Each structure stands twice: as C-alpha cells, then as structure tokens.
Amino acid sequence: MGFEVAFDDGWRLGSWWSEILVRAKAQLSRPEVQERLAKAERALELQQIESVRAKIDLDHAKAAAELLKALEGVDSDAVISMGSLFAAKTIVHGRSKVIVKRLTDDEMRQVSAAVATSR
C-alpha cells in the first residue's frame, strides 16, 4: 500500500493517554490560559453571589413593606426593629416621615443596648 512508519517509539499500554495529559497540562499552565480560567471562575462566583444577593434583597424588600404597612395606621412617632430591619416614623408639621434601614451587626447591638437601658 505504500505506508511507511514515520515515528516508532514502541507501543506501550496507555502511552497515548499519557501524551494527551502531558500536552493538556502544558497548555493549561500557560499564563493566558490561567488568566482566562481565573476570569471564568470569578464570573461563576459572581453569578452565585448575585443570585443569593437578589434573594436576600427580595426578602428584605418584603419585610420592609410589612414594616411600612404596620406603621400606616400609626398617627404618632414610632420605631420598629425586626431583625436587621429598622423602621422609624415621625410626624413633622402634620406630615409623616418614614425611614426603613437595614442595620449592620454593630448598629443592631447599639439599638438593643439603647432599648435595654430605656426600660
């Protein structure tokens, strides 16, 4: 048929697999490939973080809406603290002003301490 052997390293079981692994390792260790892999990994991390953050934000928005609803019928100054959410309502010149804020851990400790000392 006219075929001739161009390369003969001898046949060994698994030698082709070892060659593939060596070549793959060489390619994957190139700086530009490492940089792209790092970017892909970061993109996946951000996607997961954003997904969790979106759920938390939705939960906080629902809780804030409940706090605002609870303050609707109150015609005087009021404060509600529920978990990390804090709502305050005050009446200024006959008009109500309301704020809802998500408290940090330190702020929650300060609110708890203020409540404890006011009793």
N, C-alpha and C. Protein backbone atom coordinates (compact mmCIF):
# COMPACT_ATOMS: atom_id res chain seq x y z
N MET A 1 0.81 -1.19 0.00
CA MET A 1 0.00 0.00 0.00
C MET A 1 0.86 1.26 0.00
N GLY A 2 2.07 1.18 0.35
CA GLY A 2 2.93 2.34 0.32
C GLY A 2 3.04 3.07 1.64
N PHE A 3 2.54 2.51 2.74
CA PHE A 3 2.66 3.15 4.05
C PHE A 3 4.05 2.89 4.60
N GLU A 4 4.59 3.87 5.28
CA GLU A 4 5.83 3.64 5.98
C GLU A 4 5.72 4.25 7.37
N VAL A 5 6.47 3.76 8.29
CA VAL A 5 6.43 4.21 9.67
C VAL A 5 7.23 5.50 9.78
N ALA A 6 6.55 6.57 10.19
CA ALA A 6 7.21 7.86 10.33
C ALA A 6 7.80 8.03 11.73
N PHE A 7 7.17 7.40 12.70
CA PHE A 7 7.63 7.53 14.08
C PHE A 7 7.30 6.24 14.80
N ASP A 8 8.26 5.66 15.44
CA ASP A 8 8.01 4.44 16.18
C ASP A 8 8.73 4.52 17.51
N ASP A 9 7.96 4.79 18.52
CA ASP A 9 8.52 4.86 19.87
C ASP A 9 8.23 3.56 20.60
N GLY A 10 7.72 2.63 19.90
CA GLY A 10 7.34 1.37 20.53
C GLY A 10 5.96 1.52 21.12
N TRP A 11 5.24 0.49 21.08
CA TRP A 11 3.88 0.53 21.58
C TRP A 11 3.89 0.19 23.06
N ARG A 12 3.26 1.10 23.87
CA ARG A 12 3.13 0.83 25.30
C ARG A 12 1.70 1.12 25.69
N LEU A 13 1.16 0.29 26.58
CA LEU A 13 -0.20 0.48 27.05
C LEU A 13 -0.32 1.82 27.75
N GLY A 14 -1.26 2.63 27.32
CA GLY A 14 -1.50 3.92 27.96
C GLY A 14 -0.59 5.03 27.49
N SER A 15 0.29 4.81 26.58
CA SER A 15 1.22 5.85 26.17
C SER A 15 0.51 7.01 25.48
N TRP A 16 -0.51 6.75 24.70
CA TRP A 16 -1.24 7.83 24.04
C TRP A 16 -1.98 8.69 25.06
N TRP A 17 -2.50 8.06 26.10
CA TRP A 17 -3.20 8.79 27.15
C TRP A 17 -2.23 9.69 27.92
N SER A 18 -1.07 9.17 28.22
CA SER A 18 -0.05 9.97 28.91
C SER A 18 0.35 11.17 28.07
N GLU A 19 0.49 10.97 26.77
CA GLU A 19 0.85 12.07 25.87
C GLU A 19 -0.23 13.16 25.88
N ILE A 20 -1.50 12.76 25.86
CA ILE A 20 -2.59 13.72 25.90
C ILE A 20 -2.55 14.52 27.21
N LEU A 21 -2.35 13.83 28.31
CA LEU A 21 -2.30 14.51 29.60
C LEU A 21 -1.13 15.48 29.69
N VAL A 22 0.03 15.09 29.18
CA VAL A 22 1.20 15.96 29.21
C VAL A 22 0.95 17.21 28.38
N ARG A 23 0.38 17.01 27.18
CA ARG A 23 0.10 18.17 26.32
C ARG A 23 -0.98 19.07 26.93
N ALA A 24 -2.01 18.48 27.51
CA ALA A 24 -3.06 19.27 28.13
C ALA A 24 -2.51 20.08 29.30
N LYS A 25 -1.67 19.44 30.11
CA LYS A 25 -1.08 20.14 31.25
C LYS A 25 -0.21 21.30 30.78
N ALA A 26 0.52 21.10 29.71
CA ALA A 26 1.36 22.16 29.17
C ALA A 26 0.51 23.34 28.70
N GLN A 27 -0.60 23.05 28.02
CA GLN A 27 -1.47 24.11 27.54
C GLN A 27 -2.17 24.84 28.69
N LEU A 28 -2.64 24.08 29.66
CA LEU A 28 -3.37 24.68 30.78
C LEU A 28 -2.48 25.51 31.70
N SER A 29 -1.18 25.29 31.66
CA SER A 29 -0.28 26.04 32.54
C SER A 29 0.21 27.34 31.89
N ARG A 30 -0.19 27.60 30.66
CA ARG A 30 0.20 28.85 30.00
C ARG A 30 -0.46 30.02 30.73
N PRO A 31 0.25 31.14 30.91
CA PRO A 31 -0.30 32.29 31.67
C PRO A 31 -1.63 32.80 31.13
N GLU A 32 -1.77 32.89 29.80
CA GLU A 32 -3.03 33.43 29.26
C GLU A 32 -4.19 32.47 29.52
N VAL A 33 -3.93 31.17 29.53
CA VAL A 33 -4.98 30.20 29.83
C VAL A 33 -5.34 30.28 31.31
N GLN A 34 -4.33 30.42 32.16
CA GLN A 34 -4.57 30.56 33.60
C GLN A 34 -5.40 31.82 33.89
N GLU A 35 -5.10 32.90 33.17
CA GLU A 35 -5.85 34.14 33.36
C GLU A 35 -7.31 33.96 32.95
N ARG A 36 -7.54 33.30 31.83
CA ARG A 36 -8.92 33.07 31.38
C ARG A 36 -9.66 32.15 32.33
N LEU A 37 -8.98 31.12 32.84
CA LEU A 37 -9.63 30.23 33.81
C LEU A 37 -9.99 30.98 35.09
N ALA A 38 -9.11 31.86 35.53
CA ALA A 38 -9.38 32.66 36.73
C ALA A 38 -10.58 33.57 36.50
N LYS A 39 -10.67 34.18 35.30
CA LYS A 39 -11.81 35.05 34.99
C LYS A 39 -13.11 34.25 34.94
N ALA A 40 -13.04 33.06 34.36
CA ALA A 40 -14.25 32.21 34.30
C ALA A 40 -14.69 31.81 35.70
N GLU A 41 -13.73 31.47 36.54
CA GLU A 41 -14.05 31.10 37.92
C GLU A 41 -14.68 32.27 38.66
N ARG A 42 -14.14 33.47 38.48
CA ARG A 42 -14.67 34.66 39.14
C ARG A 42 -16.09 34.97 38.63
N ALA A 43 -16.31 34.77 37.34
CA ALA A 43 -17.65 35.01 36.77
C ALA A 43 -18.67 34.07 37.40
N LEU A 44 -18.29 32.82 37.60
CA LEU A 44 -19.19 31.86 38.24
C LEU A 44 -19.45 32.24 39.69
N GLU A 45 -18.41 32.68 40.39
CA GLU A 45 -18.57 33.11 41.77
C GLU A 45 -19.53 34.30 41.86
N LEU A 46 -19.33 35.29 40.97
CA LEU A 46 -20.19 36.47 40.97
C LEU A 46 -21.63 36.12 40.65
N GLN A 47 -21.82 35.19 39.73
CA GLN A 47 -23.17 34.76 39.38
C GLN A 47 -23.85 34.16 40.60
N GLN A 48 -23.14 33.34 41.35
CA GLN A 48 -23.70 32.72 42.55
C GLN A 48 -23.98 33.77 43.62
N ILE A 49 -23.03 34.70 43.81
CA ILE A 49 -23.20 35.75 44.80
C ILE A 49 -24.40 36.62 44.46
N GLU A 50 -24.52 37.01 43.19
CA GLU A 50 -25.64 37.86 42.77
C GLU A 50 -26.97 37.15 42.94
N SER A 51 -27.00 35.85 42.70
CA SER A 51 -28.22 35.08 42.87
C SER A 51 -28.66 35.10 44.33
N VAL A 52 -27.71 34.86 45.22
CA VAL A 52 -28.01 34.88 46.66
C VAL A 52 -28.40 36.29 47.09
N ARG A 53 -27.66 37.29 46.61
CA ARG A 53 -27.94 38.68 46.97
C ARG A 53 -29.34 39.09 46.51
N ALA A 54 -29.73 38.66 45.32
CA ALA A 54 -31.05 39.01 44.80
C ALA A 54 -32.15 38.43 45.69
N LYS A 55 -31.96 37.20 46.16
CA LYS A 55 -32.95 36.59 47.05
C LYS A 55 -33.02 37.34 48.38
N ILE A 56 -31.87 37.68 48.91
CA ILE A 56 -31.83 38.43 50.18
C ILE A 56 -32.49 39.79 50.01
N ASP A 57 -32.18 40.48 48.91
CA ASP A 57 -32.79 41.79 48.66
C ASP A 57 -34.31 41.67 48.56
N LEU A 58 -34.80 40.64 47.89
CA LEU A 58 -36.24 40.44 47.78
C LEU A 58 -36.86 40.20 49.15
N ASP A 59 -36.21 39.36 49.96
CA ASP A 59 -36.71 39.11 51.32
C ASP A 59 -36.75 40.39 52.14
N HIS A 60 -35.69 41.22 52.03
CA HIS A 60 -35.66 42.49 52.77
C HIS A 60 -36.74 43.44 52.27
N ALA A 61 -36.96 43.48 50.97
CA ALA A 61 -38.00 44.36 50.42
C ALA A 61 -39.38 43.95 50.94
N LYS A 62 -39.64 42.65 50.99
CA LYS A 62 -40.93 42.18 51.51
C LYS A 62 -41.08 42.53 52.98
N ALA A 63 -40.01 42.36 53.75
CA ALA A 63 -40.06 42.68 55.17
C ALA A 63 -40.24 44.19 55.38
N ALA A 64 -39.56 44.99 54.56
CA ALA A 64 -39.71 46.45 54.67
C ALA A 64 -41.14 46.86 54.34
N ALA A 65 -41.74 46.24 53.35
CA ALA A 65 -43.14 46.54 53.01
C ALA A 65 -44.06 46.21 54.18
N GLU A 66 -43.78 45.12 54.88
CA GLU A 66 -44.59 44.76 56.05
C GLU A 66 -44.42 45.78 57.17
N LEU A 67 -43.18 46.26 57.36
CA LEU A 67 -42.95 47.29 58.38
C LEU A 67 -43.72 48.57 58.03
N LEU A 68 -43.64 48.97 56.77
CA LEU A 68 -44.36 50.18 56.34
C LEU A 68 -45.87 50.01 56.52
N LYS A 69 -46.35 48.83 56.22
CA LYS A 69 -47.79 48.55 56.39
C LYS A 69 -48.18 48.64 57.86
N ALA A 70 -47.31 48.14 58.74
CA ALA A 70 -47.59 48.18 60.17
C ALA A 70 -47.63 49.62 60.69
N LEU A 71 -46.87 50.51 60.06
CA LEU A 71 -46.83 51.91 60.50
C LEU A 71 -47.91 52.78 59.88
N GLU A 72 -48.65 52.25 58.92
CA GLU A 72 -49.66 53.05 58.20
C GLU A 72 -50.69 53.69 59.12
N GLY A 73 -51.22 52.93 60.05
CA GLY A 73 -52.28 53.44 60.91
C GLY A 73 -51.79 54.18 62.14
N VAL A 74 -50.51 54.33 62.30
CA VAL A 74 -49.94 54.99 63.48
C VAL A 74 -49.87 56.49 63.22
N ASP A 75 -50.52 57.28 64.09
CA ASP A 75 -50.56 58.73 63.91
C ASP A 75 -49.61 59.46 64.84
N SER A 76 -48.61 58.77 65.34
CA SER A 76 -47.62 59.40 66.21
C SER A 76 -46.24 58.85 65.86
N ASP A 77 -45.24 59.33 66.57
CA ASP A 77 -43.88 58.82 66.34
C ASP A 77 -43.84 57.34 66.71
N ALA A 78 -43.09 56.57 65.92
CA ALA A 78 -43.00 55.13 66.19
C ALA A 78 -41.66 54.59 65.68
N VAL A 79 -41.22 53.52 66.33
CA VAL A 79 -39.99 52.83 65.92
C VAL A 79 -40.27 51.34 65.97
N ILE A 80 -39.86 50.64 64.92
CA ILE A 80 -39.98 49.18 64.88
C ILE A 80 -38.63 48.62 64.47
N SER A 81 -38.18 47.64 65.22
CA SER A 81 -36.95 46.95 64.88
C SER A 81 -37.29 45.47 64.75
N MET A 82 -37.01 44.91 63.59
CA MET A 82 -37.32 43.50 63.35
C MET A 82 -36.10 42.87 62.69
N GLY A 83 -35.36 42.10 63.47
CA GLY A 83 -34.14 41.51 62.93
C GLY A 83 -33.18 42.61 62.55
N SER A 84 -32.71 42.59 61.32
CA SER A 84 -31.76 43.62 60.88
C SER A 84 -32.46 44.82 60.25
N LEU A 85 -33.79 44.81 60.22
CA LEU A 85 -34.52 45.95 59.66
C LEU A 85 -35.01 46.87 60.77
N PHE A 86 -34.90 48.14 60.51
CA PHE A 86 -35.27 49.17 61.48
C PHE A 86 -36.15 50.18 60.75
N ALA A 87 -37.29 50.50 61.32
CA ALA A 87 -38.19 51.49 60.72
C ALA A 87 -38.50 52.54 61.78
N ALA A 88 -38.48 53.79 61.34
CA ALA A 88 -38.82 54.89 62.24
C ALA A 88 -39.80 55.81 61.52
N LYS A 89 -40.80 56.25 62.28
CA LYS A 89 -41.81 57.16 61.72
C LYS A 89 -41.92 58.34 62.66
N THR A 90 -41.97 59.52 62.09
CA THR A 90 -42.17 60.72 62.89
C THR A 90 -43.14 61.64 62.15
N ILE A 91 -43.78 62.48 62.90
CA ILE A 91 -44.72 63.44 62.32
C ILE A 91 -44.08 64.83 62.40
N VAL A 92 -43.94 65.48 61.26
CA VAL A 92 -43.34 66.81 61.20
C VAL A 92 -44.33 67.73 60.49
N HIS A 93 -44.82 68.75 61.21
CA HIS A 93 -45.79 69.71 60.66
C HIS A 93 -46.99 68.99 60.04
N GLY A 94 -47.45 67.97 60.74
CA GLY A 94 -48.63 67.24 60.31
C GLY A 94 -48.39 66.22 59.19
N ARG A 95 -47.18 66.10 58.76
CA ARG A 95 -46.88 65.13 57.69
C ARG A 95 -45.96 64.05 58.24
N SER A 96 -46.25 62.82 57.88
CA SER A 96 -45.43 61.72 58.39
C SER A 96 -44.19 61.52 57.53
N LYS A 97 -43.10 61.20 58.20
CA LYS A 97 -41.82 60.88 57.56
C LYS A 97 -41.43 59.50 58.05
N VAL A 98 -41.09 58.61 57.11
CA VAL A 98 -40.76 57.23 57.47
C VAL A 98 -39.44 56.86 56.83
N ILE A 99 -38.64 56.13 57.58
CA ILE A 99 -37.39 55.60 57.05
C ILE A 99 -37.31 54.12 57.44
N VAL A 100 -36.84 53.31 56.49
CA VAL A 100 -36.59 51.90 56.76
C VAL A 100 -35.14 51.66 56.38
N LYS A 101 -34.40 51.04 57.29
CA LYS A 101 -32.97 50.82 57.06
C LYS A 101 -32.58 49.42 57.51
N ARG A 102 -31.69 48.82 56.75
CA ARG A 102 -31.11 47.54 57.15
C ARG A 102 -29.91 47.86 58.02
N LEU A 103 -29.92 47.35 59.24
CA LEU A 103 -28.87 47.65 60.20
C LEU A 103 -27.69 46.69 60.07
N THR A 104 -26.50 47.21 60.32
CA THR A 104 -25.31 46.37 60.41
C THR A 104 -25.35 45.65 61.76
N ASP A 105 -24.48 44.70 61.97
CA ASP A 105 -24.42 44.00 63.25
C ASP A 105 -24.15 44.98 64.39
N ASP A 106 -23.23 45.90 64.17
CA ASP A 106 -22.89 46.88 65.20
C ASP A 106 -24.09 47.77 65.52
N GLU A 107 -24.81 48.20 64.49
CA GLU A 107 -25.99 49.03 64.71
C GLU A 107 -27.08 48.27 65.46
N MET A 108 -27.24 46.98 65.17
CA MET A 108 -28.24 46.18 65.89
C MET A 108 -27.88 46.08 67.37
N ARG A 109 -26.58 45.91 67.68
CA ARG A 109 -26.15 45.88 69.09
C ARG A 109 -26.45 47.21 69.78
N GLN A 110 -26.21 48.32 69.07
CA GLN A 110 -26.48 49.64 69.64
C GLN A 110 -27.96 49.84 69.91
N VAL A 111 -28.81 49.41 69.01
CA VAL A 111 -30.27 49.52 69.20
C VAL A 111 -30.68 48.66 70.40
N SER A 112 -30.17 47.44 70.47
CA SER A 112 -30.51 46.55 71.59
C SER A 112 -30.08 47.16 72.92
N ALA A 113 -28.89 47.76 72.94
CA ALA A 113 -28.39 48.37 74.16
C ALA A 113 -29.25 49.58 74.54
N ALA A 114 -29.65 50.37 73.56
CA ALA A 114 -30.49 51.55 73.83
C ALA A 114 -31.85 51.12 74.36
N VAL A 115 -32.42 50.08 73.81
CA VAL A 115 -33.72 49.57 74.27
C VAL A 115 -33.61 49.05 75.69
N ALA A 116 -32.51 48.32 75.96
CA ALA A 116 -32.32 47.75 77.30
C ALA A 116 -32.16 48.83 78.36
N THR A 117 -31.48 49.92 78.02
CA THR A 117 -31.27 50.98 79.02
C THR A 117 -32.49 51.87 79.19
N SER A 118 -33.39 51.86 78.22
CA SER A 118 -34.57 52.71 78.33
C SER A 118 -35.69 52.05 79.12
N ARG A 119 -35.53 50.83 79.49
CA ARG A 119 -36.60 50.12 80.23
C ARG A 119 -36.53 50.40 81.69
